[in-house]
PDB file of N, CA and C in Angstrom:
ATOM      1  N   UNK A   1       0.900  -1.325  -0.086  1.00  0.00           N
ATOM      2  CA  UNK A   1       0.013  -0.146  -0.152  1.00  0.00           C
ATOM      3  C   UNK A   1       0.885   1.236  -0.070  1.00  0.00           C
ATOM      4  N   UNK A   2       0.111   2.034  -0.569  1.00  0.00           N
ATOM      5  CA  UNK A   2       1.271   3.929  -0.550  1.00  0.00           C
ATOM      6  C   UNK A   2      -0.052   4.378  -0.378  1.00  0.00           C
ATOM      7  N   UNK A   3       0.655   5.823   0.072  1.00  0.00           N
ATOM      8  CA  UNK A   3      -0.417   6.911   0.329  1.00  0.00           C
ATOM      9  C   UNK A   3       0.286   8.287   0.000  1.00  0.00           C
ATOM     10  N   UNK A   4      -0.705   9.225  -1.140  1.00  0.00           N
ATOM     11  CA  UNK A   4      -0.033  10.528  -1.204  1.00  0.00           C
ATOM     12  C   UNK A   4      -0.769  10.780  -0.614  1.00  0.00           C
ATOM     13  N   UNK A   5       0.199  11.574  -0.029  1.00  0.00           N
ATOM     14  CA  UNK A   5       0.354  12.954   1.024  1.00  0.00           C
ATOM     15  C   UNK A   5      -0.438  14.386  -0.124  1.00  0.00           C
ATOM     16  N   UNK A   6      -0.823  15.369   0.047  1.00  0.00           N
ATOM     17  CA  UNK A   6      -0.654  17.085  -0.734  1.00  0.00           C
ATOM     18  C   UNK A   6      -1.064  17.492   0.828  1.00  0.00           C
ATOM     19  N   UNK A   7      -0.179  17.967   0.697  1.00  0.00           N
ATOM     20  CA  UNK A   7       0.620  19.190   1.745  1.00  0.00           C
ATOM     21  C   UNK A   7      -0.209  20.135   1.799  1.00  0.00           C
ATOM     22  N   UNK A   8      -1.225  21.213   2.865  1.00  0.00           N
ATOM     23  CA  UNK A   8      -1.588  22.592   1.964  1.00  0.00           C
ATOM     24  C   UNK A   8      -0.734  23.524   3.312  1.00  0.00           C
ATOM     25  N   UNK A   9       0.222  23.875   2.441  1.00  0.00           N
ATOM     26  CA  UNK A   9       1.653  24.640   3.109  1.00  0.00           C
ATOM     27  C   UNK A   9       0.819  25.806   3.514  1.00  0.00           C
ATOM     28  N   UNK A  10       1.035  27.329   5.247  1.00  0.00           N
ATOM     29  CA  UNK A  10       0.674  28.441   4.725  1.00  0.00           C
ATOM     30  C   UNK A  10      -0.186  28.375   5.231  1.00  0.00           C
ATOM     31  N   UNK A  11      -0.633  29.720   5.605  1.00  0.00           N
ATOM     32  CA  UNK A  11      -1.719  30.600   6.952  1.00  0.00           C
ATOM     33  C   UNK A  11      -2.733  30.650   6.142  1.00  0.00           C
ATOM     34  N   UNK A  12      -4.153  30.265   7.613  1.00  0.00           N
ATOM     35  CA  UNK A  12      -5.525  31.002   6.972  1.00  0.00           C
ATOM     36  C   UNK A  12      -5.559  32.118   6.648  1.00  0.00           C
ATOM     37  N   UNK A  13      -6.406  32.507   5.835  1.00  0.00           N
ATOM     38  CA  UNK A  13      -6.675  33.573   5.799  1.00  0.00           C
ATOM     39  C   UNK A  13      -7.841  34.247   6.845  1.00  0.00           C
ATOM     40  N   UNK A  14      -7.191  35.633   7.862  1.00  0.00           N
ATOM     41  CA  UNK A  14      -8.016  35.575   8.841  1.00  0.00           C
ATOM     42  C   UNK A  14      -9.769  35.458   8.756  1.00  0.00           C
ATOM     43  N   UNK A  15     -10.082  34.622   9.946  1.00  0.00           N
ATOM     44  CA  UNK A  15     -11.453  34.860  10.231  1.00  0.00           C
ATOM     45  C   UNK A  15     -11.871  33.335   9.446  1.00  0.00           C
ATOM     46  N   UNK A  16     -11.129  32.886   8.398  1.00  0.00           N
ATOM     47  CA  UNK A  16     -11.777  31.724   7.372  1.00  0.00           C
ATOM     48  C   UNK A  16     -11.527  30.161   7.565  1.00  0.00           C
ATOM     49  N   UNK A  17     -11.156  30.424   9.072  1.00  0.00           N
ATOM     50  CA  UNK A  17     -10.725  28.395   9.301  1.00  0.00           C
ATOM     51  C   UNK A  17     -11.986  28.201   9.221  1.00  0.00           C
ATOM     52  N   UNK A  18     -12.975  28.711   9.552  1.00  0.00           N
ATOM     53  CA  UNK A  18     -14.661  27.560   9.756  1.00  0.00           C
ATOM     54  C   UNK A  18     -15.142  27.573   8.323  1.00  0.00           C
ATOM     55  N   UNK A  19     -14.909  28.106   7.512  1.00  0.00           N
ATOM     56  CA  UNK A  19     -15.397  28.392   6.176  1.00  0.00           C
ATOM     57  C   UNK A  19     -14.302  27.550   5.454  1.00  0.00           C
ATOM     58  N   UNK A  20     -13.360  27.399   5.802  1.00  0.00           N
ATOM     59  CA  UNK A  20     -12.611  26.697   4.929  1.00  0.00           C
ATOM     60  C   UNK A  20     -12.463  25.430   5.171  1.00  0.00           C
ATOM     61  N   UNK A  21     -12.817  24.878   6.207  1.00  0.00           N
ATOM     62  CA  UNK A  21     -12.865  23.569   6.654  1.00  0.00           C
ATOM     63  C   UNK A  21     -14.746  22.633   6.254  1.00  0.00           C
ATOM     64  N   UNK A  22     -15.758  23.896   6.511  1.00  0.00           N
ATOM     65  CA  UNK A  22     -16.531  23.723   5.352  1.00  0.00           C
ATOM     66  C   UNK A  22     -16.677  23.518   4.377  1.00  0.00           C
ATOM     67  N   UNK A  23     -15.644  24.045   3.442  1.00  0.00           N
ATOM     68  CA  UNK A  23     -15.390  24.158   1.900  1.00  0.00           C
ATOM     69  C   UNK A  23     -14.989  22.644   1.514  1.00  0.00           C
ATOM     70  N   UNK A  24     -13.536  22.537   2.744  1.00  0.00           N
ATOM     71  CA  UNK A  24     -13.155  21.266   2.232  1.00  0.00           C
ATOM     72  C   UNK A  24     -14.345  19.882   2.238  1.00  0.00           C
ATOM     73  N   UNK A  25     -14.760  19.589   3.399  1.00  0.00           N
ATOM     74  CA  UNK A  25     -15.989  19.194   3.651  1.00  0.00           C
ATOM     75  C   UNK A  25     -16.995  18.945   2.730  1.00  0.00           C
ATOM     76  N   UNK A  26     -17.769  19.725   2.260  1.00  0.00           N
ATOM     77  CA  UNK A  26     -18.872  19.851   1.428  1.00  0.00           C
ATOM     78  C   UNK A  26     -18.466  19.910   0.152  1.00  0.00           C
ATOM     79  N   UNK A  27     -17.156  20.964  -0.401  1.00  0.00           N
ATOM     80  CA  UNK A  27     -17.001  21.031  -1.643  1.00  0.00           C
ATOM     81  C   UNK A  27     -16.025  19.638  -2.149  1.00  0.00           C
ATOM     82  N   UNK A  28     -14.836  19.493  -1.594  1.00  0.00           N
ATOM     83  CA  UNK A  28     -13.591  18.707  -1.627  1.00  0.00           C
ATOM     84  C   UNK A  28     -14.095  17.466  -1.489  1.00  0.00           C
ATOM     85  N   UNK A  29     -13.712  16.976  -0.204  1.00  0.00           N
ATOM     86  CA  UNK A  29     -13.871  15.667  -0.157  1.00  0.00           C
ATOM     87  C   UNK A  29     -14.838  14.691  -0.803  1.00  0.00           C
ATOM     88  N   UNK A  30     -16.276  15.402  -1.278  1.00  0.00           N
ATOM     89  CA  UNK A  30     -16.894  14.492  -1.999  1.00  0.00           C
ATOM     90  C   UNK A  30     -16.116  13.924  -3.759  1.00  0.00           C
ATOM     91  N   UNK A  31     -15.352  15.179  -3.845  1.00  0.00           N
ATOM     92  CA  UNK A  31     -14.516  14.980  -5.495  1.00  0.00           C
ATOM     93  C   UNK A  31     -13.408  13.752  -4.505  1.00  0.00           C
ATOM     94  N   UNK A  32     -12.933  13.722  -3.974  1.00  0.00           N
ATOM     95  CA  UNK A  32     -11.521  13.507  -3.501  1.00  0.00           C
ATOM     96  C   UNK A  32     -11.729  11.574  -2.854  1.00  0.00           C
ATOM     97  N   UNK A  33     -13.047  11.576  -2.591  1.00  0.00           N
ATOM     98  CA  UNK A  33     -13.741  10.221  -2.935  1.00  0.00           C
ATOM     99  C   UNK A  33     -13.644   9.366  -3.843  1.00  0.00           C
ATOM    100  N   UNK A  34     -14.216  10.290  -4.493  1.00  0.00           N
ATOM    101  CA  UNK A  34     -14.296   9.924  -6.174  1.00  0.00           C
ATOM    102  C   UNK A  34     -13.046   9.437  -7.067  1.00  0.00           C
ATOM    103  N   UNK A  35     -12.131  10.171  -6.575  1.00  0.00           N
ATOM    104  CA  UNK A  35     -10.829   9.051  -7.260  1.00  0.00           C
ATOM    105  C   UNK A  35     -10.627   7.467  -7.256  1.00  0.00           C
ATOM    106  N   UNK A  36     -10.195   6.757  -8.461  1.00  0.00           N
ATOM    107  CA  UNK A  36     -10.329   5.673  -9.154  1.00  0.00           C
ATOM    108  C   UNK A  36      -9.455   5.455  -8.566  1.00  0.00           C
ATOM    109  N   UNK A  37      -9.703   3.890  -8.021  1.00  0.00           N
ATOM    110  CA  UNK A  37      -8.166   3.644  -6.804  1.00  0.00           C
ATOM    111  C   UNK A  37      -8.538   3.512  -5.988  1.00  0.00           C
ATOM    112  N   UNK A  38      -8.988   4.870  -5.130  1.00  0.00           N
ATOM    113  CA  UNK A  38      -7.996   4.993  -4.015  1.00  0.00           C
ATOM    114  C   UNK A  38      -9.092   4.184  -2.668  1.00  0.00           C
ATOM    115  N   UNK A  39      -8.358   3.682  -2.167  1.00  0.00           N
ATOM    116  CA  UNK A  39      -8.786   2.733  -0.899  1.00  0.00           C
ATOM    117  C   UNK A  39      -9.024   3.029   0.473  1.00  0.00           C
ATOM    118  N   UNK A  40      -8.688   4.463   0.976  1.00  0.00           N
ATOM    119  CA  UNK A  40      -9.655   5.239   1.772  1.00  0.00           C
ATOM    120  C   UNK A  40      -8.823   6.972   1.554  1.00  0.00           C
ATOM    121  N   UNK A  41      -9.380   7.512   2.297  1.00  0.00           N
ATOM    122  CA  UNK A  41      -9.249   8.743   1.467  1.00  0.00           C
ATOM    123  C   UNK A  41      -9.516   9.775   3.412  1.00  0.00           C
ATOM    124  N   UNK A  42      -8.782  10.201   3.565  1.00  0.00           N
ATOM    125  CA  UNK A  42      -8.333  10.720   5.189  1.00  0.00           C
ATOM    126  C   UNK A  42      -8.233  12.332   4.947  1.00  0.00           C
ATOM    127  N   UNK A  43      -8.928  13.235   5.146  1.00  0.00           N
ATOM    128  CA  UNK A  43      -8.325  15.028   6.012  1.00  0.00           C
ATOM    129  C   UNK A  43      -8.364  15.483   6.964  1.00  0.00           C
ATOM    130  N   UNK A  44      -6.964  16.074   6.926  1.00  0.00           N
ATOM    131  CA  UNK A  44      -6.697  15.932   8.239  1.00  0.00           C
ATOM    132  C   UNK A  44      -6.509  17.410   8.527  1.00  0.00           C
ATOM    133  N   UNK A  45      -7.253  18.455   9.341  1.00  0.00           N
ATOM    134  CA  UNK A  45      -6.883  19.211   9.934  1.00  0.00           C
ATOM    135  C   UNK A  45      -6.156  19.843  11.111  1.00  0.00           C
ATOM    136  N   UNK A  46      -5.111  20.223  10.556  1.00  0.00           N
ATOM    137  CA  UNK A  46      -4.274  21.137  11.810  1.00  0.00           C
ATOM    138  C   UNK A  46      -4.740  21.647  12.770  1.00  0.00           C
ATOM    139  N   UNK A  47      -3.811  21.126  14.142  1.00  0.00           N
ATOM    140  CA  UNK A  47      -4.611  21.225  16.055  1.00  0.00           C
ATOM    141  C   UNK A  47      -3.520  21.876  16.360  1.00  0.00           C
ATOM    142  N   UNK A  48      -2.184  21.651  15.931  1.00  0.00           N
ATOM    143  CA  UNK A  48      -1.542  22.170  16.529  1.00  0.00           C
ATOM    144  C   UNK A  48       0.379  21.883  16.268  1.00  0.00           C
ATOM    145  N   UNK A  49       1.030  22.180  15.929  1.00  0.00           N
ATOM    146  CA  UNK A  49       2.833  22.186  15.206  1.00  0.00           C
ATOM    147  C   UNK A  49       3.688  22.568  16.126  1.00  0.00           C
ATOM    148  N   UNK A  50       4.806  22.145  15.646  1.00  0.00           N
ATOM    149  CA  UNK A  50       6.344  22.286  16.340  1.00  0.00           C
ATOM    150  C   UNK A  50       6.253  24.357  16.044  1.00  0.00           C
ATOM    151  N   UNK A  51       6.970  25.307  17.036  1.00  0.00           N
ATOM    152  CA  UNK A  51       6.846  27.035  17.326  1.00  0.00           C
ATOM    153  C   UNK A  51       7.764  26.965  15.779  1.00  0.00           C
ATOM    154  N   UNK A  52       8.380  26.197  15.876  1.00  0.00           N
ATOM    155  CA  UNK A  52       9.359  26.384  14.403  1.00  0.00           C
ATOM    156  C   UNK A  52       9.442  25.972  13.395  1.00  0.00           C
ATOM    157  N   UNK A  53       8.127  25.288  12.995  1.00  0.00           N
ATOM    158  CA  UNK A  53       7.524  25.104  12.065  1.00  0.00           C
ATOM    159  C   UNK A  53       6.856  25.827  10.874  1.00  0.00           C
ATOM    160  N   UNK A  54       6.756  25.239   9.450  1.00  0.00           N
ATOM    161  CA  UNK A  54       5.752  26.052   8.655  1.00  0.00           C
ATOM    162  C   UNK A  54       3.955  24.974   9.039  1.00  0.00           C
ATOM    163  N   UNK A  55       3.783  26.155   8.988  1.00  0.00           N
ATOM    164  CA  UNK A  55       1.698  26.425   9.123  1.00  0.00           C
ATOM    165  C   UNK A  55       1.044  25.214   8.335  1.00  0.00           C
ATOM    166  N   UNK A  56       0.845  23.946   8.962  1.00  0.00           N
ATOM    167  CA  UNK A  56       0.060  23.461   7.513  1.00  0.00           C
ATOM    168  C   UNK A  56      -1.454  22.692   7.847  1.00  0.00           C
ATOM    169  N   UNK A  57      -2.567  24.123   8.038  1.00  0.00           N
ATOM    170  CA  UNK A  57      -3.633  23.779   7.586  1.00  0.00           C
ATOM    171  C   UNK A  57      -3.881  22.984   7.970  1.00  0.00           C
ATOM    172  N   UNK A  58      -3.842  21.986   6.613  1.00  0.00           N
ATOM    173  CA  UNK A  58      -4.792  21.018   5.970  1.00  0.00           C
ATOM    174  C   UNK A  58      -4.194  19.792   5.443  1.00  0.00           C
ATOM    175  N   UNK A  59      -4.177  18.446   5.461  1.00  0.00           N
ATOM    176  CA  UNK A  59      -3.458  17.559   4.993  1.00  0.00           C
ATOM    177  C   UNK A  59      -4.381  16.265   4.568  1.00  0.00           C
ATOM    178  N   UNK A  60      -4.266  16.454   3.247  1.00  0.00           N
ATOM    179  CA  UNK A  60      -5.066  14.823   2.383  1.00  0.00           C
ATOM    180  C   UNK A  60      -4.784  14.256   1.917  1.00  0.00           C
ATOM    181  N   UNK A  61      -4.863  13.055   2.689  1.00  0.00           N
ATOM    182  CA  UNK A  61      -3.883  11.298   2.709  1.00  0.00           C
ATOM    183  C   UNK A  61      -5.186  10.235   1.428  1.00  0.00           C
ATOM    184  N   UNK A  62      -4.387  10.022   0.514  1.00  0.00           N
ATOM    185  CA  UNK A  62      -5.119   8.861   0.615  1.00  0.00           C
ATOM    186  C   UNK A  62      -4.590   7.523  -0.334  1.00  0.00           C
ATOM    187  N   UNK A  63      -4.801   7.054   0.485  1.00  0.00           N
ATOM    188  CA  UNK A  63      -4.018   5.332   0.070  1.00  0.00           C
ATOM    189  C   UNK A  63      -4.251   4.470  -1.240  1.00  0.00           C
ATOM    190  N   UNK A  64      -3.222   3.840  -2.044  1.00  0.00           N
ATOM    191  CA  UNK A  64      -3.231   3.079  -3.157  1.00  0.00           C
ATOM    192  C   UNK A  64      -3.351   2.065  -2.783  1.00  0.00           C
ATOM    193  N   UNK A  65      -3.543   0.797  -3.250  1.00  0.00           N
ATOM    194  CA  UNK A  65      -3.114  -0.402  -3.246  1.00  0.00           C
ATOM    195  C   UNK A  65      -1.404  -0.272  -3.815  1.00  0.00           C
ATOM    196  N   UNK A  66      -1.509  -0.350  -4.825  1.00  0.00           N
ATOM    197  CA  UNK A  66      -0.203   0.176  -5.500  1.00  0.00           C
ATOM    198  C   UNK A  66      -0.209   1.620  -6.051  1.00  0.00           C
ATOM    199  N   UNK A  67       1.321   1.646  -6.819  1.00  0.00           N
ATOM    200  CA  UNK A  67       1.645   2.766  -7.986  1.00  0.00           C
ATOM    201  C   UNK A  67       0.477   2.936  -8.772  1.00  0.00           C
ATOM    202  N   UNK A  68       0.100   1.940  -9.616  1.00  0.00           N
ATOM    203  CA  UNK A  68      -1.104   1.687 -10.750  1.00  0.00           C
ATOM    204  C   UNK A  68      -2.139   2.310 -10.404  1.00  0.00           C
ATOM    205  N   UNK A  69      -2.676   1.972  -9.099  1.00  0.00           N
ATOM    206  CA  UNK A  69      -3.762   2.336  -8.941  1.00  0.00           C
ATOM    207  C   UNK A  69      -3.606   3.874  -8.649  1.00  0.00           C
ATOM    208  N   UNK A  70      -2.727   4.621  -7.995  1.00  0.00           N
ATOM    209  CA  UNK A  70      -2.816   5.565  -8.010  1.00  0.00           C
ATOM    210  C   UNK A  70      -2.193   6.557  -8.967  1.00  0.00           C
ATOM    211  N   UNK A  71      -1.489   6.276 -10.365  1.00  0.00           N
ATOM    212  CA  UNK A  71      -1.671   7.270 -11.361  1.00  0.00           C
ATOM    213  C   UNK A  71      -3.067   6.558 -11.865  1.00  0.00           C
ATOM    214  N   UNK A  72      -3.928   6.049 -11.880  1.00  0.00           N
ATOM    215  CA  UNK A  72      -5.163   5.804 -12.382  1.00  0.00           C
ATOM    216  C   UNK A  72      -5.777   6.813 -11.373  1.00  0.00           C
ATOM    217  N   UNK A  73      -6.044   7.170 -10.442  1.00  0.00           N
ATOM    218  CA  UNK A  73      -6.446   7.700  -9.896  1.00  0.00           C
ATOM    219  C   UNK A  73      -6.259   9.540 -10.212  1.00  0.00           C
ATOM    220  N   UNK A  74      -4.650   9.871 -10.783  1.00  0.00           N
ATOM    221  CA  UNK A  74      -4.047  11.073 -10.781  1.00  0.00           C
ATOM    222  C   UNK A  74      -5.110  11.283 -11.911  1.00  0.00           C
ATOM    223  N   UNK A  75      -5.606  10.324 -12.812  1.00  0.00           N
ATOM    224  CA  UNK A  75      -5.965  10.442 -14.439  1.00  0.00           C
ATOM    225  C   UNK A  75      -7.691  10.969 -14.136  1.00  0.00           C
ATOM    226  N   UNK A  76      -8.059  10.365 -13.279  1.00  0.00           N
ATOM    227  CA  UNK A  76      -9.700  10.075 -13.240  1.00  0.00           C
ATOM    228  C   UNK A  76     -10.355  11.574 -13.091  1.00  0.00           C
ATOM    229  N   UNK A  77     -11.581  11.379 -13.812  1.00  0.00           N
ATOM    230  CA  UNK A  77     -12.145  13.143 -13.873  1.00  0.00           C
ATOM    231  C   UNK A  77     -12.219  14.083 -12.586  1.00  0.00           C
ATOM    232  N   UNK A  78     -12.459  12.938 -11.411  1.00  0.00           N
ATOM    233  CA  UNK A  78     -12.543  13.570 -10.249  1.00  0.00           C
ATOM    234  C   UNK A  78     -11.379  14.613  -9.800  1.00  0.00           C
ATOM    235  N   UNK A  79     -10.147  14.108 -10.556  1.00  0.00           N
ATOM    236  CA  UNK A  79      -8.825  14.960  -9.835  1.00  0.00           C
ATOM    237  C   UNK A  79      -8.921  15.715 -10.560  1.00  0.00           C
ATOM    238  N   UNK A  80      -9.448  15.961 -12.123  1.00  0.00           N
ATOM    239  CA  UNK A  80      -9.098  17.073 -12.564  1.00  0.00           C
ATOM    240  C   UNK A  80      -9.952  17.918 -12.139  1.00  0.00           C
ATOM    241  N   UNK A  81     -11.280  17.608 -11.539  1.00  0.00           N
ATOM    242  CA  UNK A  81     -12.118  18.222 -10.998  1.00  0.00           C
ATOM    243  C   UNK A  81     -11.363  19.546  -9.848  1.00  0.00           C
ATOM    244  N   UNK A  82     -11.309  18.082  -9.125  1.00  0.00           N
ATOM    245  CA  UNK A  82     -10.918  19.317  -7.504  1.00  0.00           C
ATOM    246  C   UNK A  82      -9.448  20.037  -8.194  1.00  0.00           C
ATOM    247  N   UNK A  83      -8.889  19.276  -8.656  1.00  0.00           N
ATOM    248  CA  UNK A  83      -7.949  20.332  -9.348  1.00  0.00           C
ATOM    249  C   UNK A  83      -7.969  21.741 -10.160  1.00  0.00           C
ATOM    250  N   UNK A  84      -8.973  22.164 -10.510  1.00  0.00           N
ATOM    251  CA  UNK A  84      -9.812  22.933 -10.928  1.00  0.00           C
ATOM    252  C   UNK A  84     -10.235  24.238  -9.858  1.00  0.00           C
ATOM    253  N   UNK A  85     -10.506  23.295  -8.911  1.00  0.00           N
ATOM    254  CA  UNK A  85     -10.801  24.275  -7.412  1.00  0.00           C
ATOM    255  C   UNK A  85      -9.936  24.687  -6.556  1.00  0.00           C
ATOM    256  N   UNK A  86      -8.589  24.836  -6.884  1.00  0.00           N
ATOM    257  CA  UNK A  86      -7.689  24.583  -6.095  1.00  0.00           C
ATOM    258  C   UNK A  86      -6.996  26.410  -6.054  1.00  0.00           C
ATOM    259  N   UNK A  87      -6.850  27.105  -7.263  1.00  0.00           N
ATOM    260  CA  UNK A  87      -6.789  28.481  -7.463  1.00  0.00           C
ATOM    261  C   UNK A  87      -7.706  29.485  -6.364  1.00  0.00           C
ATOM    262  N   UNK A  88      -8.858  28.645  -6.573  1.00  0.00           N
ATOM    263  CA  UNK A  88      -9.765  29.777  -5.955  1.00  0.00           C
ATOM    264  C   UNK A  88      -9.922  29.327  -4.692  1.00  0.00           C
ATOM    265  N   UNK A  89      -9.710  28.017  -4.391  1.00  0.00           N
ATOM    266  CA  UNK A  89      -9.265  27.909  -3.126  1.00  0.00           C
ATOM    267  C   UNK A  89      -8.672  28.507  -1.808  1.00  0.00           C
ATOM    268  N   UNK A  90      -6.917  28.750  -2.671  1.00  0.00           N
ATOM    269  CA  UNK A  90      -6.360  29.428  -2.271  1.00  0.00           C
ATOM    270  C   UNK A  90      -5.953  30.944  -2.315  1.00  0.00           C
ATOM    271  N   UNK A  91      -6.875  31.366  -2.802  1.00  0.00           N
ATOM    272  CA  UNK A  91      -7.322  32.747  -3.177  1.00  0.00           C
ATOM    273  C   UNK A  91      -8.407  33.255  -1.502  1.00  0.00           C
ATOM    274  N   UNK A  92      -9.688  32.269  -1.671  1.00  0.00           N
ATOM    275  CA  UNK A  92     -10.227  32.590  -0.884  1.00  0.00           C
ATOM    276  C   UNK A  92      -9.961  32.163   0.498  1.00  0.00           C
ATOM    277  N   UNK A  93      -9.244  31.018   0.748  1.00  0.00           N
ATOM    278  CA  UNK A  93      -8.513  30.622   2.227  1.00  0.00           C
ATOM    279  C   UNK A  93      -7.664  30.214   2.659  1.00  0.00           C
ATOM    280  N   UNK A  94      -6.745  30.500   1.660  1.00  0.00           N
ATOM    281  CA  UNK A  94      -5.554  30.152   2.384  1.00  0.00           C
ATOM    282  C   UNK A  94      -4.004  31.087   1.666  1.00  0.00           C
ATOM    283  N   UNK A  95      -3.093  31.568   2.270  1.00  0.00           N
ATOM    284  CA  UNK A  95      -1.800  31.704   1.909  1.00  0.00           C
ATOM    285  C   UNK A  95      -0.758  31.163   1.885  1.00  0.00           C
ATOM    286  N   UNK A  96      -0.833  30.595   0.963  1.00  0.00           N
ATOM    287  CA  UNK A  96       0.364  29.768   0.571  1.00  0.00           C
ATOM    288  C   UNK A  96       0.608  28.934  -0.483  1.00  0.00           C
ATOM    289  N   UNK A  97       0.686  27.186  -0.468  1.00  0.00           N
ATOM    290  CA  UNK A  97       1.163  26.383  -0.981  1.00  0.00           C
ATOM    291  C   UNK A  97       1.241  25.187  -0.805  1.00  0.00           C
ATOM    292  N   UNK A  98       1.048  23.795  -2.205  1.00  0.00           N
ATOM    293  CA  UNK A  98       0.509  22.712  -2.236  1.00  0.00           C
ATOM    294  C   UNK A  98       2.025  22.232  -2.497  1.00  0.00           C
ATOM    295  N   UNK A  99       1.888  21.095  -1.307  1.00  0.00           N
ATOM    296  CA  UNK A  99       3.279  19.957  -1.693  1.00  0.00           C
ATOM    297  C   UNK A  99       2.944  18.262  -1.987  1.00  0.00           C
ATOM    298  N   UNK A 100       3.258  17.595  -2.647  1.00  0.00           N
ATOM    299  CA  UNK A 100       2.557  16.656  -2.565  1.00  0.00           C
ATOM    300  C   UNK A 100       4.387  15.303  -2.706  1.00  0.00           C
ATOM    301  N   UNK A 101       3.532  14.086  -1.636  1.00  0.00           N
ATOM    302  CA  UNK A 101       4.682  13.423  -1.101  1.00  0.00           C
ATOM    303  C   UNK A 101       3.464  11.934  -1.650  1.00  0.00           C
ATOM    304  N   UNK A 102       4.698  10.665  -1.571  1.00  0.00           N
ATOM    305  CA  UNK A 102       3.905   9.882  -2.332  1.00  0.00           C
ATOM    306  C   UNK A 102       4.676   8.285  -0.840  1.00  0.00           C
ATOM    307  N   UNK A 103       4.365   7.626  -0.363  1.00  0.00           N
ATOM    308  CA  UNK A 103       4.820   7.761   0.895  1.00  0.00           C
ATOM    309  C   UNK A 103       4.409   5.704   0.954  1.00  0.00           C
ATOM    310  N   UNK A 104       5.225   4.559   1.067  1.00  0.00           N
ATOM    311  CA  UNK A 104       4.871   3.362   1.273  1.00  0.00           C
ATOM    312  C   UNK A 104       4.375   3.421   3.115  1.00  0.00           C
ATOM    313  N   UNK A 105       3.205   2.558   3.100  1.00  0.00           N
ATOM    314  CA  UNK A 105       2.048   2.383   4.433  1.00  0.00           C
ATOM    315  C   UNK A 105       2.554   1.021   4.716  1.00  0.00           C
ATOM    316  N   UNK A 106       3.240   1.158   5.655  1.00  0.00           N
ATOM    317  CA  UNK A 106       3.605  -0.239   7.003  1.00  0.00           C
ATOM    318  C   UNK A 106       2.724  -0.009   8.180  1.00  0.00           C
ATOM    319  N   UNK A 107       2.011  -0.680   8.436  1.00  0.00           N
ATOM    320  CA  UNK A 107       0.869  -0.752   9.285  1.00  0.00           C
ATOM    321  C   UNK A 107       1.522  -1.492  10.770  1.00  0.00           C
ATOM    322  N   UNK A 108       0.819  -1.089  11.971  1.00  0.00           N
ATOM    323  CA  UNK A 108       0.792  -2.019  12.839  1.00  0.00           C
ATOM    324  C   UNK A 108       0.431  -1.931  14.411  1.00  0.00           C
ATOM    325  N   UNK A 109      -0.157  -2.726  14.900  1.00  0.00           N
ATOM    326  CA  UNK A 109      -1.141  -2.567  16.429  1.00  0.00           C
ATOM    327  C   UNK A 109       0.382  -2.068  17.685  1.00  0.00           C
ATOM    328  N   UNK A 110      -0.488  -1.611  18.174  1.00  0.00           N
ATOM    329  CA  UNK A 110       0.181  -1.074  19.356  1.00  0.00           C
ATOM    330  C   UNK A 110       0.479  -2.300  20.240  1.00  0.00           C
ATOM    331  N   UNK A 111       1.777  -2.301  21.197  1.00  0.00           N
ATOM    332  CA  UNK A 111       2.133  -3.291  21.784  1.00  0.00           C
ATOM    333  C   UNK A 111       1.843  -2.973  22.970  1.00  0.00           C
ATOM    334  N   UNK A 112       0.372  -3.796  23.550  1.00  0.00           N
ATOM    335  CA  UNK A 112      -0.091  -3.652  24.944  1.00  0.00           C
ATOM    336  C   UNK A 112       0.315  -4.317  25.694  1.00  0.00           C
ATOM    337  N   UNK A 113       1.897  -5.314  25.702  1.00  0.00           N
ATOM    338  CA  UNK A 113       1.726  -6.237  26.373  1.00  0.00           C
ATOM    339  C   UNK A 113       2.860  -5.114  27.683  1.00  0.00           C
TER     340      UNK A 113
END
């Protein structure tokens, strides 16, 4: 399994935090959930961070079975619809930029012994 992360790096515009969250959940998430080949879609909103770290108010994490499934998602119509909304999203809600990372997933249960 792999996960493609989209890190929305930057500062939420003054007074727009709740509106940004609502927009993500009501407008962006339905598109992200339609990406072909997606196994799991997670939306993470920043709560706290290291004082010297870049602000990351939003992370999108989509898991795929493999790179072929991810590549299929990157070509899906829903991805293009979501991508078209990004300039307006940044203009309205976020002074920042977007970074993407693909990571291999290794999951483990906690050791409760």
